Amino acid sequence: MISDPLVDRRRPGTNPADPRGLWTVNQLCDLVQVRSSRQTGSVVRLLVHAGRRPA
């Protein structure tokens, strides 16, 4: 279960062993939703808009 509500928003540390997967996904996607509960575990939902982004 993910208990840190900002797990995908904080820049990872300088240690290469630090986890950085959710942070990287948050940098690449338009929307990242993380939901976690003891009953269902963790669910990560990603949204990426296709096409060109406005400048």
PDB file of N, CA and C in Angstrom:
ATOM      1  N   MET A   1       0.843  -1.173   0.000  1.00  0.00           N
ATOM      2  CA  MET A   1       0.000   0.000   0.000  1.00  0.00           C
ATOM      3  C   MET A   1       0.895   1.245   0.000  1.00  0.00           C
ATOM      4  N   ILE A   2       0.549   2.210  -0.822  1.00  0.00           N
ATOM      5  CA  ILE A   2       1.283   3.474  -0.894  1.00  0.00           C
ATOM      6  C   ILE A   2       0.663   4.435   0.110  1.00  0.00           C
ATOM      7  N   SER A   3       1.446   4.860   1.080  1.00  0.00           N
ATOM      8  CA  SER A   3       0.904   5.723   2.140  1.00  0.00           C
ATOM      9  C   SER A   3       1.292   7.189   1.973  1.00  0.00           C
ATOM     10  N   ASP A   4       2.249   7.485   1.112  1.00  0.00           N
ATOM     11  CA  ASP A   4       2.709   8.864   0.912  1.00  0.00           C
ATOM     12  C   ASP A   4       1.857   9.535  -0.165  1.00  0.00           C
ATOM     13  N   PRO A   5       1.047  10.551   0.170  1.00  0.00           N
ATOM     14  CA  PRO A   5       0.169  11.171  -0.823  1.00  0.00           C
ATOM     15  C   PRO A   5       0.934  11.935  -1.910  1.00  0.00           C
ATOM     16  N   LEU A   6       2.196  12.244  -1.684  1.00  0.00           N
ATOM     17  CA  LEU A   6       2.986  12.980  -2.677  1.00  0.00           C
ATOM     18  C   LEU A   6       4.046  12.093  -3.326  1.00  0.00           C
ATOM     19  N   VAL A   7       3.823  10.799  -3.354  1.00  0.00           N
ATOM     20  CA  VAL A   7       4.834   9.860  -3.836  1.00  0.00           C
ATOM     21  C   VAL A   7       5.260  10.148  -5.271  1.00  0.00           C
ATOM     22  N   ASP A   8       4.375  10.650  -6.093  1.00  0.00           N
ATOM     23  CA  ASP A   8       4.727  10.893  -7.501  1.00  0.00           C
ATOM     24  C   ASP A   8       5.065  12.358  -7.775  1.00  0.00           C
ATOM     25  N   ARG A   9       5.101  13.189  -6.755  1.00  0.00           N
ATOM     26  CA  ARG A   9       5.337  14.627  -6.948  1.00  0.00           C
ATOM     27  C   ARG A   9       6.711  15.096  -6.493  1.00  0.00           C
ATOM     28  N   ARG A  10       7.329  14.365  -5.588  1.00  0.00           N
ATOM     29  CA  ARG A  10       8.636  14.772  -5.074  1.00  0.00           C
ATOM     30  C   ARG A  10       9.753  14.248  -5.953  1.00  0.00           C
ATOM     31  N   ARG A  11      10.711  15.100  -6.241  1.00  0.00           N
ATOM     32  CA  ARG A  11      11.883  14.690  -7.033  1.00  0.00           C
ATOM     33  C   ARG A  11      12.662  13.645  -6.238  1.00  0.00           C
ATOM     34  N   PRO A  12      13.063  12.550  -6.894  1.00  0.00           N
ATOM     35  CA  PRO A  12      13.821  11.519  -6.174  1.00  0.00           C
ATOM     36  C   PRO A  12      15.185  12.037  -5.731  1.00  0.00           C
ATOM     37  N   GLY A  13      15.755  11.363  -4.747  1.00  0.00           N
ATOM     38  CA  GLY A  13      17.067  11.745  -4.236  1.00  0.00           C
ATOM     39  C   GLY A  13      18.167  11.395  -5.232  1.00  0.00           C
ATOM     40  N   THR A  14      19.386  11.670  -4.844  1.00  0.00           N
ATOM     41  CA  THR A  14      20.532  11.444  -5.724  1.00  0.00           C
ATOM     42  C   THR A  14      21.040  10.010  -5.675  1.00  0.00           C
ATOM     43  N   ASN A  15      20.580   9.234  -4.714  1.00  0.00           N
ATOM     44  CA  ASN A  15      20.988   7.839  -4.609  1.00  0.00           C
ATOM     45  C   ASN A  15      20.341   7.041  -5.754  1.00  0.00           C
ATOM     46  N   PRO A  16      21.127   6.369  -6.586  1.00  0.00           N
ATOM     47  CA  PRO A  16      20.557   5.589  -7.699  1.00  0.00           C
ATOM     48  C   PRO A  16      19.613   4.486  -7.241  1.00  0.00           C
ATOM     49  N   ALA A  17      19.709   4.076  -5.987  1.00  0.00           N
ATOM     50  CA  ALA A  17      18.821   3.031  -5.474  1.00  0.00           C
ATOM     51  C   ALA A  17      17.454   3.581  -5.068  1.00  0.00           C
ATOM     52  N   ASP A  18      17.316   4.916  -4.995  1.00  0.00           N
ATOM     53  CA  ASP A  18      16.022   5.510  -4.644  1.00  0.00           C
ATOM     54  C   ASP A  18      14.995   5.215  -5.725  1.00  0.00           C
ATOM     55  N   PRO A  19      13.763   4.878  -5.340  1.00  0.00           N
ATOM     56  CA  PRO A  19      12.724   4.644  -6.351  1.00  0.00           C
ATOM     57  C   PRO A  19      12.397   5.935  -7.093  1.00  0.00           C
ATOM     58  N   ARG A  20      12.165   5.849  -8.377  1.00  0.00           N
ATOM     59  CA  ARG A  20      11.850   7.039  -9.171  1.00  0.00           C
ATOM     60  C   ARG A  20      10.828   6.774 -10.260  1.00  0.00           C
ATOM     61  N   GLY A  21      10.248   5.593 -10.271  1.00  0.00           N
ATOM     62  CA  GLY A  21       9.306   5.222 -11.322  1.00  0.00           C
ATOM     63  C   GLY A  21       8.088   6.121 -11.413  1.00  0.00           C
ATOM     64  N   LEU A  22       7.383   6.321 -10.305  1.00  0.00           N
ATOM     65  CA  LEU A  22       6.177   7.146 -10.339  1.00  0.00           C
ATOM     66  C   LEU A  22       6.504   8.603 -10.624  1.00  0.00           C
ATOM     67  N   TRP A  23       7.630   9.082 -10.140  1.00  0.00           N
ATOM     68  CA  TRP A  23       8.023  10.467 -10.430  1.00  0.00           C
ATOM     69  C   TRP A  23       8.284  10.629 -11.927  1.00  0.00           C
ATOM     70  N   THR A  24       8.990   9.665 -12.531  1.00  0.00           N
ATOM     71  CA  THR A  24       9.275   9.724 -13.966  1.00  0.00           C
ATOM     72  C   THR A  24       7.986   9.688 -14.774  1.00  0.00           C
ATOM     73  N   VAL A  25       7.073   8.811 -14.410  1.00  0.00           N
ATOM     74  CA  VAL A  25       5.785   8.732 -15.105  1.00  0.00           C
ATOM     75  C   VAL A  25       5.048  10.055 -14.989  1.00  0.00           C
ATOM     76  N   ASN A  26       5.095  10.686 -13.833  1.00  0.00           N
ATOM     77  CA  ASN A  26       4.417  11.965 -13.638  1.00  0.00           C
ATOM     78  C   ASN A  26       5.018  13.058 -14.518  1.00  0.00           C
ATOM     79  N   GLN A  27       6.312  12.969 -14.818  1.00  0.00           N
ATOM     80  CA  GLN A  27       6.953  13.942 -15.701  1.00  0.00           C
ATOM     81  C   GLN A  27       6.557  13.730 -17.158  1.00  0.00           C
ATOM     82  N   LEU A  28       6.241  12.506 -17.533  1.00  0.00           N
ATOM     83  CA  LEU A  28       5.963  12.165 -18.930  1.00  0.00           C
ATOM     84  C   LEU A  28       4.481  12.192 -19.296  1.00  0.00           C
ATOM     85  N   CYS A  29       3.606  12.050 -18.319  1.00  0.00           N
ATOM     86  CA  CYS A  29       2.167  11.949 -18.596  1.00  0.00           C
ATOM     87  C   CYS A  29       1.451  13.251 -18.247  1.00  0.00           C
ATOM     88  N   ASP A  30       0.282  13.423 -18.852  1.00  0.00           N
ATOM     89  CA  ASP A  30      -0.536  14.599 -18.572  1.00  0.00           C
ATOM     90  C   ASP A  30      -1.269  14.487 -17.240  1.00  0.00           C
ATOM     91  N   LEU A  31      -1.625  13.258 -16.853  1.00  0.00           N
ATOM     92  CA  LEU A  31      -2.333  13.045 -15.597  1.00  0.00           C
ATOM     93  C   LEU A  31      -1.899  11.708 -15.023  1.00  0.00           C
ATOM     94  N   VAL A  32      -1.591  11.696 -13.736  1.00  0.00           N
ATOM     95  CA  VAL A  32      -1.258  10.470 -13.018  1.00  0.00           C
ATOM     96  C   VAL A  32      -2.106  10.442 -11.756  1.00  0.00           C
ATOM     97  N   GLN A  33      -2.874   9.369 -11.581  1.00  0.00           N
ATOM     98  CA  GLN A  33      -3.677   9.200 -10.378  1.00  0.00           C
ATOM     99  C   GLN A  33      -3.198   7.951  -9.662  1.00  0.00           C
ATOM    100  N   VAL A  34      -2.974   8.066  -8.372  1.00  0.00           N
ATOM    101  CA  VAL A  34      -2.547   6.933  -7.560  1.00  0.00           C
ATOM    102  C   VAL A  34      -3.590   6.733  -6.474  1.00  0.00           C
ATOM    103  N   ARG A  35      -4.130   5.519  -6.416  1.00  0.00           N
ATOM    104  CA  ARG A  35      -5.096   5.179  -5.371  1.00  0.00           C
ATOM    105  C   ARG A  35      -4.609   3.910  -4.702  1.00  0.00           C
ATOM    106  N   SER A  36      -4.759   3.862  -3.408  1.00  0.00           N
ATOM    107  CA  SER A  36      -4.240   2.724  -2.669  1.00  0.00           C
ATOM    108  C   SER A  36      -5.156   2.406  -1.495  1.00  0.00           C
ATOM    109  N   SER A  37      -5.419   1.121  -1.291  1.00  0.00           N
ATOM    110  CA  SER A  37      -6.192   0.692  -0.128  1.00  0.00           C
ATOM    111  C   SER A  37      -5.725  -0.704   0.276  1.00  0.00           C
ATOM    112  N   ARG A  38      -6.008  -1.055   1.503  1.00  0.00           N
ATOM    113  CA  ARG A  38      -5.606  -2.378   1.986  1.00  0.00           C
ATOM    114  C   ARG A  38      -6.368  -3.485   1.265  1.00  0.00           C
ATOM    115  N   GLN A  39      -7.587  -3.230   0.870  1.00  0.00           N
ATOM    116  CA  GLN A  39      -8.408  -4.250   0.229  1.00  0.00           C
ATOM    117  C   GLN A  39      -7.988  -4.506  -1.229  1.00  0.00           C
ATOM    118  N   THR A  40      -7.703  -3.453  -1.981  1.00  0.00           N
ATOM    119  CA  THR A  40      -7.439  -3.607  -3.418  1.00  0.00           C
ATOM    120  C   THR A  40      -5.979  -3.432  -3.799  1.00  0.00           C
ATOM    121  N   GLY A  41      -5.148  -2.954  -2.871  1.00  0.00           N
ATOM    122  CA  GLY A  41      -3.752  -2.668  -3.207  1.00  0.00           C
ATOM    123  C   GLY A  41      -3.651  -1.296  -3.846  1.00  0.00           C
ATOM    124  N   SER A  42      -2.671  -1.133  -4.727  1.00  0.00           N
ATOM    125  CA  SER A  42      -2.451   0.168  -5.361  1.00  0.00           C
ATOM    126  C   SER A  42      -2.839   0.127  -6.829  1.00  0.00           C
ATOM    127  N   VAL A  43      -3.453   1.208  -7.284  1.00  0.00           N
ATOM    128  CA  VAL A  43      -3.848   1.357  -8.680  1.00  0.00           C
ATOM    129  C   VAL A  43      -3.262   2.670  -9.174  1.00  0.00           C
ATOM    130  N   VAL A  44      -2.551   2.613 -10.298  1.00  0.00           N
ATOM    131  CA  VAL A  44      -1.980   3.809 -10.898  1.00  0.00           C
ATOM    132  C   VAL A  44      -2.645   3.992 -12.250  1.00  0.00           C
ATOM    133  N   ARG A  45      -3.212   5.164 -12.473  1.00  0.00           N
ATOM    134  CA  ARG A  45      -3.921   5.469 -13.716  1.00  0.00           C
ATOM    135  C   ARG A  45      -3.175   6.584 -14.436  1.00  0.00           C
ATOM    136  N   LEU A  46      -2.887   6.368 -15.719  1.00  0.00           N
ATOM    137  CA  LEU A  46      -2.111   7.333 -16.515  1.00  0.00           C
ATOM    138  C   LEU A  46      -2.948   7.861 -17.666  1.00  0.00           C
ATOM    139  N   LEU A  47      -2.749   9.132 -17.986  1.00  0.00           N
ATOM    140  CA  LEU A  47      -3.413   9.733 -19.133  1.00  0.00           C
ATOM    141  C   LEU A  47      -2.380  10.505 -19.944  1.00  0.00           C
ATOM    142  N   VAL A  48      -2.315  10.204 -21.224  1.00  0.00           N
ATOM    143  CA  VAL A  48      -1.415  10.914 -22.141  1.00  0.00           C
ATOM    144  C   VAL A  48      -2.256  11.366 -23.324  1.00  0.00           C
ATOM    145  N   HIS A  49      -2.277  12.655 -23.574  1.00  0.00           N
ATOM    146  CA  HIS A  49      -3.008  13.192 -24.712  1.00  0.00           C
ATOM    147  C   HIS A  49      -2.207  12.937 -25.988  1.00  0.00           C
ATOM    148  N   ALA A  50      -2.868  12.389 -26.982  1.00  0.00           N
ATOM    149  CA  ALA A  50      -2.213  12.176 -28.272  1.00  0.00           C
ATOM    150  C   ALA A  50      -2.185  13.483 -29.056  1.00  0.00           C
ATOM    151  N   GLY A  51      -1.245  13.600 -29.943  1.00  0.00           N
ATOM    152  CA  GLY A  51      -1.188  14.792 -30.776  1.00  0.00           C
ATOM    153  C   GLY A  51      -0.234  15.824 -30.212  1.00  0.00           C
ATOM    154  N   ARG A  52      -0.238  16.959 -30.844  1.00  0.00           N
ATOM    155  CA  ARG A  52       0.688  18.035 -30.504  1.00  0.00           C
ATOM    156  C   ARG A  52       0.224  18.815 -29.299  1.00  0.00           C
ATOM    157  N   ARG A  53       1.140  19.151 -28.430  1.00  0.00           N
ATOM    158  CA  ARG A  53       0.827  19.978 -27.273  1.00  0.00           C
ATOM    159  C   ARG A  53       0.955  21.447 -27.642  1.00  0.00           C
ATOM    160  N   PRO A  54       0.117  22.298 -27.042  1.00  0.00           N
ATOM    161  CA  PRO A  54       0.266  23.732 -27.300  1.00  0.00           C
ATOM    162  C   PRO A  54       1.588  24.250 -26.756  1.00  0.00           C
ATOM    163  N   ALA A  55       2.122  25.261 -27.405  1.00  0.00           N
ATOM    164  CA  ALA A  55       3.429  25.831 -26.993  1.00  0.00           C
ATOM    165  C   ALA A  55       3.298  26.667 -25.761  1.00  0.00           C
TER     166      ALA A  55
END
